[in-house]
PDB file of all heavy atoms in Angstrom:
ATOM      1  N   LYS A   1      94.454 127.936 152.320  1.00  0.00           N
ATOM      2  CA  LYS A   1      95.839 128.347 152.104  1.00  0.00           C
ATOM      3  C   LYS A   1      96.623 128.139 153.399  1.00  0.00           C
ATOM      4  O   LYS A   1      96.118 128.399 154.499  1.00  0.00           O
ATOM      5  CB  LYS A   1      95.911 129.824 151.722  1.00  0.00           C
ATOM      6  CG  LYS A   1      95.288 130.168 150.375  1.00  0.00           C
ATOM      7  CD  LYS A   1      96.248 129.909 149.242  1.00  0.00           C
ATOM      8  CE  LYS A   1      95.715 130.481 147.937  1.00  0.00           C
ATOM      9  NZ  LYS A   1      96.654 130.270 146.815  1.00  0.00           N
ATOM     10  N   LEU A   2      97.870 127.676 153.252  1.00  0.00           N
ATOM     11  CA  LEU A   2      98.775 127.522 154.383  1.00  0.00           C
ATOM     12  C   LEU A   2      99.933 128.490 154.220  1.00  0.00           C
ATOM     13  O   LEU A   2     100.477 128.635 153.124  1.00  0.00           O
ATOM     14  CB  LEU A   2      99.341 126.106 154.452  1.00  0.00           C
ATOM     15  CG  LEU A   2      98.379 124.938 154.668  1.00  0.00           C
ATOM     16  CD1 LEU A   2      99.155 123.627 154.605  1.00  0.00           C
ATOM     17  CD2 LEU A   2      97.660 125.066 155.994  1.00  0.00           C
ATOM     18  N   MET A   3     100.318 129.151 155.308  1.00  0.00           N
ATOM     19  CA  MET A   3     101.506 129.999 155.274  1.00  0.00           C
ATOM     20  C   MET A   3     102.174 129.954 156.639  1.00  0.00           C
ATOM     21  O   MET A   3     101.601 129.466 157.619  1.00  0.00           O
ATOM     22  CB  MET A   3     101.158 131.431 154.869  1.00  0.00           C
ATOM     23  CG  MET A   3     100.201 132.154 155.784  1.00  0.00           C
ATOM     24  SD  MET A   3      99.866 133.845 155.247  1.00  0.00           S
ATOM     25  CE  MET A   3     101.391 134.674 155.733  1.00  0.00           C
ATOM     26  N   CYS A   4     103.414 130.428 156.695  1.00  0.00           N
ATOM     27  CA  CYS A   4     104.126 130.403 157.967  1.00  0.00           C
ATOM     28  C   CYS A   4     105.105 131.560 158.042  1.00  0.00           C
ATOM     29  O   CYS A   4     105.450 132.171 157.022  1.00  0.00           O
ATOM     30  CB  CYS A   4     104.872 129.077 158.154  1.00  0.00           C
ATOM     31  SG  CYS A   4     106.293 128.853 157.063  1.00  0.00           S
ATOM     32  N   GLY A   5     105.550 131.844 159.270  1.00  0.00           N
ATOM     33  CA  GLY A   5     106.612 132.799 159.492  1.00  0.00           C
ATOM     34  C   GLY A   5     107.925 132.048 159.631  1.00  0.00           C
ATOM     35  O   GLY A   5     108.077 130.922 159.132  1.00  0.00           O
ATOM     36  N   ASN A   6     108.858 132.651 160.332  1.00  0.00           N
ATOM     37  CA  ASN A   6     110.195 132.053 160.468  1.00  0.00           C
ATOM     38  C   ASN A   6     110.375 131.212 161.724  1.00  0.00           C
ATOM     39  O   ASN A   6     111.446 130.651 161.929  1.00  0.00           O
ATOM     40  CB  ASN A   6     111.256 133.160 160.459  1.00  0.00           C
ATOM     41  CG  ASN A   6     111.368 133.833 159.107  1.00  0.00           C
ATOM     42  OD1 ASN A   6     111.351 133.169 158.072  1.00  0.00           O
ATOM     43  ND2 ASN A   6     111.461 135.163 159.103  1.00  0.00           N
ATOM     44  N   ALA A   7     109.344 131.114 162.580  1.00  0.00           N
ATOM     45  CA  ALA A   7     109.528 130.489 163.884  1.00  0.00           C
ATOM     46  C   ALA A   7     109.789 128.987 163.798  1.00  0.00           C
ATOM     47  O   ALA A   7     110.606 128.459 164.545  1.00  0.00           O
ATOM     48  CB  ALA A   7     108.319 130.758 164.781  1.00  0.00           C
ATOM     49  N   ASN A   8     109.079 128.287 162.911  1.00  0.00           N
ATOM     50  CA  ASN A   8     109.231 126.828 162.831  1.00  0.00           C
ATOM     51  C   ASN A   8     108.855 126.341 161.437  1.00  0.00           C
ATOM     52  O   ASN A   8     107.843 125.679 161.230  1.00  0.00           O
ATOM     53  CB  ASN A   8     108.356 126.150 163.894  1.00  0.00           C
ATOM     54  CG  ASN A   8     108.759 124.706 164.152  1.00  0.00           C
ATOM     55  OD1 ASN A   8     109.434 124.085 163.340  1.00  0.00           O
ATOM     56  ND2 ASN A   8     108.347 124.167 165.279  1.00  0.00           N
ATOM     57  N   ARG A   9     109.718 126.646 160.477  1.00  0.00           N
ATOM     58  CA  ARG A   9     109.444 126.249 159.102  1.00  0.00           C
ATOM     59  C   ARG A   9     109.423 124.730 158.901  1.00  0.00           C
ATOM     60  O   ARG A   9     108.606 124.218 158.125  1.00  0.00           O
ATOM     61  CB  ARG A   9     110.446 126.905 158.156  1.00  0.00           C
ATOM     62  CG  ARG A   9     110.180 128.401 157.951  1.00  0.00           C
ATOM     63  CD  ARG A   9     111.079 129.013 156.905  1.00  0.00           C
ATOM     64  NE  ARG A   9     110.731 130.402 156.687  1.00  0.00           N
ATOM     65  CZ  ARG A   9     109.779 130.819 155.861  1.00  0.00           C
ATOM     66  NH1 ARG A   9     109.093 129.920 155.153  1.00  0.00           N
ATOM     67  NH2 ARG A   9     109.500 132.095 155.722  1.00  0.00           N
ATOM     68  N   PRO A  10     110.296 123.958 159.584  1.00  0.00           N
ATOM     69  CA  PRO A  10     110.229 122.490 159.400  1.00  0.00           C
ATOM     70  C   PRO A  10     108.868 121.915 159.795  1.00  0.00           C
ATOM     71  O   PRO A  10     108.344 121.023 159.112  1.00  0.00           O
ATOM     72  CB  PRO A  10     111.348 121.983 160.317  1.00  0.00           C
ATOM     73  CG  PRO A  10     112.320 123.112 160.385  1.00  0.00           C
ATOM     74  CD  PRO A  10     111.480 124.342 160.385  1.00  0.00           C
ATOM     75  N   LEU A  11     108.272 122.413 160.889  1.00  0.00           N
ATOM     76  CA  LEU A  11     106.947 121.932 161.288  1.00  0.00           C
ATOM     77  C   LEU A  11     105.900 122.341 160.261  1.00  0.00           C
ATOM     78  O   LEU A  11     105.033 121.539 159.890  1.00  0.00           O
ATOM     79  CB  LEU A  11     106.582 122.493 162.667  1.00  0.00           C
ATOM     80  CG  LEU A  11     105.167 122.162 163.164  1.00  0.00           C
ATOM     81  CD1 LEU A  11     104.976 120.654 163.305  1.00  0.00           C
ATOM     82  CD2 LEU A  11     104.881 122.862 164.494  1.00  0.00           C
ATOM     83  N   ALA A  12     105.962 123.583 159.790  1.00  0.00           N
ATOM     84  CA  ALA A  12     104.997 124.045 158.792  1.00  0.00           C
ATOM     85  C   ALA A  12     105.090 123.208 157.525  1.00  0.00           C
ATOM     86  O   ALA A  12     104.067 122.842 156.929  1.00  0.00           O
ATOM     87  CB  ALA A  12     105.239 125.525 158.480  1.00  0.00           C
ATOM     88  N   LYS A  13     106.322 122.881 157.103  1.00  0.00           N
ATOM     89  CA  LYS A  13     106.507 122.062 155.906  1.00  0.00           C
ATOM     90  C   LYS A  13     105.940 120.656 156.132  1.00  0.00           C
ATOM     91  O   LYS A  13     105.307 120.081 155.231  1.00  0.00           O
ATOM     92  CB  LYS A  13     107.996 121.971 155.578  1.00  0.00           C
ATOM     93  CG  LYS A  13     108.323 121.148 154.335  1.00  0.00           C
ATOM     94  CD  LYS A  13     107.767 121.794 153.086  1.00  0.00           C
ATOM     95  CE  LYS A  13     108.311 121.157 151.802  1.00  0.00           C
ATOM     96  NZ  LYS A  13     107.972 119.733 151.667  1.00  0.00           N
ATOM     97  N   ALA A  14     106.133 120.103 157.336  1.00  0.00           N
ATOM     98  CA  ALA A  14     105.604 118.771 157.637  1.00  0.00           C
ATOM     99  C   ALA A  14     104.073 118.772 157.629  1.00  0.00           C
ATOM    100  O   ALA A  14     103.441 117.810 157.178  1.00  0.00           O
ATOM    101  CB  ALA A  14     106.124 118.291 158.983  1.00  0.00           C
ATOM    102  N   ILE A  15     103.478 119.842 158.131  1.00  0.00           N
ATOM    103  CA  ILE A  15     102.010 119.965 158.106  1.00  0.00           C
ATOM    104  C   ILE A  15     101.525 120.058 156.661  1.00  0.00           C
ATOM    105  O   ILE A  15     100.536 119.422 156.272  1.00  0.00           O
ATOM    106  CB  ILE A  15     101.554 121.191 158.925  1.00  0.00           C
ATOM    107  CG1 ILE A  15     101.830 120.965 160.412  1.00  0.00           C
ATOM    108  CG2 ILE A  15     100.076 121.476 158.690  1.00  0.00           C
ATOM    109  CD1 ILE A  15     101.623 122.204 161.273  1.00  0.00           C
ATOM    110  N   ALA A  16     102.221 120.853 155.860  1.00  0.00           N
ATOM    111  CA  ALA A  16     101.852 120.998 154.447  1.00  0.00           C
ATOM    112  C   ALA A  16     101.948 119.657 153.723  1.00  0.00           C
ATOM    113  O   ALA A  16     101.091 119.314 152.899  1.00  0.00           O
ATOM    114  CB  ALA A  16     102.751 122.040 153.788  1.00  0.00           C
ATOM    115  N   ASP A  17     102.996 118.882 154.043  1.00  0.00           N
ATOM    116  CA  ASP A  17     103.139 117.558 153.426  1.00  0.00           C
ATOM    117  C   ASP A  17     101.989 116.638 153.839  1.00  0.00           C
ATOM    118  O   ASP A  17     101.475 115.860 153.021  1.00  0.00           O
ATOM    119  CB  ASP A  17     104.478 116.933 153.832  1.00  0.00           C
ATOM    120  CG  ASP A  17     105.663 117.622 153.176  1.00  0.00           C
ATOM    121  OD1 ASP A  17     105.450 118.368 152.197  1.00  0.00           O
ATOM    122  OD2 ASP A  17     106.796 117.439 153.654  1.00  0.00           O
ATOM    123  N   TYR A  18     101.594 116.711 155.114  1.00  0.00           N
ATOM    124  CA  TYR A  18     100.486 115.876 155.598  1.00  0.00           C
ATOM    125  C   TYR A  18      99.198 116.214 154.850  1.00  0.00           C
ATOM    126  O   TYR A  18      98.419 115.313 154.490  1.00  0.00           O
ATOM    127  CB  TYR A  18     100.290 116.089 157.097  1.00  0.00           C
ATOM    128  CG  TYR A  18      99.122 115.323 157.675  1.00  0.00           C
ATOM    129  CD1 TYR A  18      99.274 114.014 158.129  1.00  0.00           C
ATOM    130  CD2 TYR A  18      97.849 115.900 157.757  1.00  0.00           C
ATOM    131  CE1 TYR A  18      98.196 113.295 158.633  1.00  0.00           C
ATOM    132  CE2 TYR A  18      96.770 115.195 158.261  1.00  0.00           C
ATOM    133  CZ  TYR A  18      96.943 113.883 158.702  1.00  0.00           C
ATOM    134  OH  TYR A  18      95.874 113.179 159.195  1.00  0.00           O
ATOM    135  N   LEU A  19      98.975 117.498 154.608  1.00  0.00           N
ATOM    136  CA  LEU A  19      97.747 117.946 153.952  1.00  0.00           C
ATOM    137  C   LEU A  19      97.866 117.931 152.435  1.00  0.00           C
ATOM    138  O   LEU A  19      96.876 118.211 151.743  1.00  0.00           O
ATOM    139  CB  LEU A  19      97.398 119.360 154.427  1.00  0.00           C
ATOM    140  CG  LEU A  19      96.991 119.491 155.893  1.00  0.00           C
ATOM    141  CD1 LEU A  19      96.936 120.956 156.309  1.00  0.00           C
ATOM    142  CD2 LEU A  19      95.632 118.830 156.132  1.00  0.00           C
ATOM    143  N   ASP A  20      99.080 117.627 151.931  1.00  0.00           N
ATOM    144  CA  ASP A  20      99.325 117.662 150.489  1.00  0.00           C
ATOM    145  C   ASP A  20      98.924 119.018 149.916  1.00  0.00           C
ATOM    146  O   ASP A  20      98.241 119.119 148.883  1.00  0.00           O
ATOM    147  CB  ASP A  20      98.561 116.531 149.785  1.00  0.00           C
ATOM    148  CG  ASP A  20      99.064 116.293 148.360  1.00  0.00           C
ATOM    149  OD1 ASP A  20     100.211 116.681 148.070  1.00  0.00           O
ATOM    150  OD2 ASP A  20      98.290 115.742 147.542  1.00  0.00           O
ATOM    151  N   ALA A  21      99.353 120.066 150.605  1.00  0.00           N
ATOM    152  CA  ALA A  21      99.059 121.438 150.188  1.00  0.00           C
ATOM    153  C   ALA A  21     100.340 122.257 150.291  1.00  0.00           C
ATOM    154  O   ALA A  21     101.100 122.099 151.249  1.00  0.00           O
ATOM    155  CB  ALA A  21      97.972 122.049 151.075  1.00  0.00           C
ATOM    156  N   PRO A  22     100.598 123.147 149.337  1.00  0.00           N
ATOM    157  CA  PRO A  22     101.839 123.926 149.383  1.00  0.00           C
ATOM    158  C   PRO A  22     101.760 125.064 150.393  1.00  0.00           C
ATOM    159  O   PRO A  22     100.671 125.524 150.746  1.00  0.00           O
ATOM    160  CB  PRO A  22     101.952 124.474 147.958  1.00  0.00           C
ATOM    161  CG  PRO A  22     100.521 124.606 147.512  1.00  0.00           C
ATOM    162  CD  PRO A  22      99.790 123.452 148.138  1.00  0.00           C
ATOM    163  N   LEU A  23     102.919 125.496 150.862  1.00  0.00           N
ATOM    164  CA  LEU A  23     102.993 126.708 151.671  1.00  0.00           C
ATOM    165  C   LEU A  23     102.985 127.918 150.747  1.00  0.00           C
ATOM    166  O   LEU A  23     103.697 127.945 149.733  1.00  0.00           O
ATOM    167  CB  LEU A  23     104.262 126.716 152.527  1.00  0.00           C
ATOM    168  CG  LEU A  23     104.305 125.740 153.710  1.00  0.00           C
ATOM    169  CD1 LEU A  23     105.712 125.711 154.323  1.00  0.00           C
ATOM    170  CD2 LEU A  23     103.281 126.125 154.774  1.00  0.00           C
ATOM    171  N   SER A  24     102.191 128.911 151.089  1.00  0.00           N
ATOM    172  CA  SER A  24     102.111 130.122 150.268  1.00  0.00           C
ATOM    173  C   SER A  24     103.416 130.909 150.341  1.00  0.00           C
ATOM    174  O   SER A  24     104.145 130.852 151.332  1.00  0.00           O
ATOM    175  CB  SER A  24     100.945 130.996 150.740  1.00  0.00           C
ATOM    176  OG  SER A  24      99.722 130.314 150.569  1.00  0.00           O
ATOM    177  N   ASP A  25     103.678 131.652 149.271  1.00  0.00           N
ATOM    178  CA  ASP A  25     104.892 132.466 149.202  1.00  0.00           C
ATOM    179  C   ASP A  25     104.734 133.736 150.019  1.00  0.00           C
ATOM    180  O   ASP A  25     103.827 134.547 149.765  1.00  0.00           O
ATOM    181  CB  ASP A  25     105.207 132.834 147.751  1.00  0.00           C
ATOM    182  CG  ASP A  25     105.616 131.631 146.919  1.00  0.00           C
ATOM    183  OD1 ASP A  25     106.191 130.691 147.509  1.00  0.00           O
ATOM    184  OD2 ASP A  25     105.359 131.623 145.705  1.00  0.00           O
ATOM    185  N   VAL A  26     105.609 133.887 151.000  1.00  0.00           N
ATOM    186  CA  VAL A  26     105.589 135.063 151.867  1.00  0.00           C
ATOM    187  C   VAL A  26     107.014 135.591 152.001  1.00  0.00           C
ATOM    188  O   VAL A  26     107.948 134.826 152.231  1.00  0.00           O
ATOM    189  CB  VAL A  26     105.043 134.726 153.281  1.00  0.00           C
ATOM    190  CG1 VAL A  26     104.986 135.976 154.141  1.00  0.00           C
ATOM    191  CG2 VAL A  26     103.681 134.074 153.189  1.00  0.00           C
ATOM    192  N   GLU A  27     107.175 136.893 151.834  1.00  0.00           N
ATOM    193  CA  GLU A  27     108.471 137.527 152.045  1.00  0.00           C
ATOM    194  C   GLU A  27     108.448 138.255 153.392  1.00  0.00           C
ATOM    195  O   GLU A  27     107.561 139.080 153.631  1.00  0.00           O
ATOM    196  CB  GLU A  27     108.774 138.526 150.931  1.00  0.00           C
ATOM    197  CG  GLU A  27     108.911 137.898 149.555  1.00  0.00           C
ATOM    198  CD  GLU A  27     109.181 138.949 148.500  1.00  0.00           C
ATOM    199  OE1 GLU A  27     110.024 139.844 148.746  1.00  0.00           O
ATOM    200  OE2 GLU A  27     108.534 138.892 147.433  1.00  0.00           O
ATOM    201  N   ILE A  28     109.387 137.918 154.254  1.00  0.00           N
ATOM    202  CA  ILE A  28     109.517 138.594 155.549  1.00  0.00           C
ATOM    203  C   ILE A  28     110.919 139.187 155.601  1.00  0.00           C
ATOM    204  O   ILE A  28     111.905 138.455 155.590  1.00  0.00           O
ATOM    205  CB  ILE A  28     109.285 137.624 156.715  1.00  0.00           C
ATOM    206  CG1 ILE A  28     107.885 137.001 156.630  1.00  0.00           C
ATOM    207  CG2 ILE A  28     109.457 138.352 158.056  1.00  0.00           C
ATOM    208  CD1 ILE A  28     107.592 135.963 157.704  1.00  0.00           C
ATOM    209  N   GLU A  29     110.979 140.496 155.636  1.00  0.00           N
ATOM    210  CA  GLU A  29     112.254 141.199 155.607  1.00  0.00           C
ATOM    211  C   GLU A  29     112.360 142.137 156.804  1.00  0.00           C
ATOM    212  O   GLU A  29     111.375 142.419 157.485  1.00  0.00           O
ATOM    213  CB  GLU A  29     112.387 141.995 154.302  1.00  0.00           C
ATOM    214  CG  GLU A  29     112.291 141.126 153.041  1.00  0.00           C
ATOM    215  CD  GLU A  29     112.241 141.945 151.778  1.00  0.00           C
ATOM    216  OE1 GLU A  29     112.117 143.188 151.887  1.00  0.00           O
ATOM    217  OE2 GLU A  29     112.312 141.352 150.681  1.00  0.00           O
ATOM    218  N   ARG A  30     113.564 142.631 157.023  1.00  0.00           N
ATOM    219  CA  ARG A  30     113.812 143.591 158.094  1.00  0.00           C
ATOM    220  C   ARG A  30     114.409 144.861 157.525  1.00  0.00           C
ATOM    221  O   ARG A  30     115.298 144.808 156.666  1.00  0.00           O
ATOM    222  CB  ARG A  30     114.780 143.006 159.135  1.00  0.00           C
ATOM    223  CG  ARG A  30     114.168 141.973 160.046  1.00  0.00           C
ATOM    224  CD  ARG A  30     115.173 141.498 161.091  1.00  0.00           C
ATOM    225  NE  ARG A  30     114.598 140.492 161.949  1.00  0.00           N
ATOM    226  CZ  ARG A  30     113.903 140.760 163.052  1.00  0.00           C
ATOM    227  NH1 ARG A  30     113.726 142.016 163.417  1.00  0.00           N
ATOM    228  NH2 ARG A  30     113.405 139.792 163.786  1.00  0.00           N
ATOM    229  N   PHE A  31     113.935 145.978 158.014  1.00  0.00           N
ATOM    230  CA  PHE A  31     114.580 147.242 157.710  1.00  0.00           C
ATOM    231  C   PHE A  31     115.856 147.358 158.550  1.00  0.00           C
ATOM    232  O   PHE A  31     116.107 146.552 159.448  1.00  0.00           O
ATOM    233  CB  PHE A  31     113.634 148.404 158.000  1.00  0.00           C
ATOM    234  CG  PHE A  31     112.432 148.441 157.085  1.00  0.00           C
ATOM    235  CD1 PHE A  31     111.159 148.192 157.578  1.00  0.00           C
ATOM    236  CD2 PHE A  31     112.581 148.732 155.739  1.00  0.00           C
ATOM    237  CE1 PHE A  31     110.056 148.222 156.744  1.00  0.00           C
ATOM    238  CE2 PHE A  31     111.477 148.766 154.894  1.00  0.00           C
ATOM    239  CZ  PHE A  31     110.216 148.512 155.398  1.00  0.00           C
ATOM    240  N   ALA A  32     116.649 148.359 158.258  1.00  0.00           N
ATOM    241  CA  ALA A  32     117.932 148.522 158.941  1.00  0.00           C
ATOM    242  C   ALA A  32     117.778 148.665 160.454  1.00  0.00           C
ATOM    243  O   ALA A  32     118.659 148.265 161.220  1.00  0.00           O
ATOM    244  CB  ALA A  32     118.673 149.731 158.378  1.00  0.00           C
ATOM    245  N   ASP A  33     116.658 149.224 160.890  1.00  0.00           N
ATOM    246  CA  ASP A  33     116.450 149.421 162.331  1.00  0.00           C
ATOM    247  C   ASP A  33     115.786 148.228 163.001  1.00  0.00           C
ATOM    248  O   ASP A  33     115.455 148.278 164.187  1.00  0.00           O
ATOM    249  CB  ASP A  33     115.630 150.685 162.587  1.00  0.00           C
ATOM    250  CG  ASP A  33     114.230 150.597 162.015  1.00  0.00           C
ATOM    251  OD1 ASP A  33     113.933 149.612 161.296  1.00  0.00           O
ATOM    252  OD2 ASP A  33     113.412 151.510 162.279  1.00  0.00           O
ATOM    253  N   GLY A  34     115.572 147.124 162.262  1.00  0.00           N
ATOM    254  CA  GLY A  34     114.995 145.915 162.837  1.00  0.00           C
ATOM    255  C   GLY A  34     113.501 145.760 162.630  1.00  0.00           C
ATOM    256  O   GLY A  34     112.944 144.714 162.952  1.00  0.00           O
ATOM    257  N   GLU A  35     112.821 146.782 162.093  1.00  0.00           N
ATOM    258  CA  GLU A  35     111.384 146.668 161.847  1.00  0.00           C
ATOM    259  C   GLU A  35     111.111 145.599 160.792  1.00  0.00           C
ATOM    260  O   GLU A  35     111.877 145.428 159.840  1.00  0.00           O
ATOM    261  CB  GLU A  35     110.813 148.010 161.376  1.00  0.00           C
ATOM    262  CG  GLU A  35     110.735 149.064 162.454  1.00  0.00           C
ATOM    263  CD  GLU A  35     110.076 150.331 161.959  1.00  0.00           C
ATOM    264  OE1 GLU A  35     109.581 150.342 160.806  1.00  0.00           O
ATOM    265  OE2 GLU A  35     110.071 151.320 162.709  1.00  0.00           O
TER     266      GLU A  35
END
Protein backbone atom coordinates (compact mmCIF):
# COMPACT_ATOMS: atom_id res chain seq x y z
CA LYS A 1 0.00 0.00 0.00
CA LEU A 2 1.15 3.54 -0.79
CA MET A 3 0.00 6.60 1.14
CA CYS A 4 1.18 10.15 1.69
CA GLY A 5 0.70 13.25 3.79
CA ASN A 6 0.46 16.82 2.55
CA ALA A 7 4.19 17.56 2.23
CA ASN A 8 4.71 16.51 -1.40
CA ARG A 9 1.65 15.04 -3.07
CA PRO A 10 2.96 15.54 -6.66
CA LEU A 11 6.00 13.36 -5.87
CA ALA A 12 3.84 10.72 -4.18
CA LYS A 13 1.51 10.66 -7.20
CA ALA A 14 4.51 10.30 -9.55
CA ILE A 15 5.83 7.38 -7.48
CA ALA A 16 2.39 5.75 -7.54
CA ASP A 17 2.26 6.16 -11.33
CA TYR A 18 5.72 4.56 -11.65
CA LEU A 19 4.59 1.58 -9.57
CA ASP A 20 1.14 1.48 -11.20
CA ALA A 21 -0.37 1.45 -7.72
CA PRO A 22 -2.99 3.83 -6.27
CA LEU A 23 -2.46 6.09 -3.30
CA SER A 24 -4.55 5.00 -0.32
CA ASP A 25 -7.34 7.25 0.91
CA VAL A 26 -6.25 9.26 3.93
CA GLU A 27 -8.06 12.14 5.61
CA ILE A 28 -5.84 14.68 7.37
CA GLU A 29 -7.74 17.40 9.17
CA ARG A 30 -7.06 20.08 11.75
CA PHE A 31 -8.98 20.93 14.86
CA ALA A 32 -9.64 24.59 15.63
CA ASP A 33 -6.51 24.80 17.79
CA GLY A 34 -4.27 23.39 15.01
CA GLU A 35 -4.04 19.79 16.26
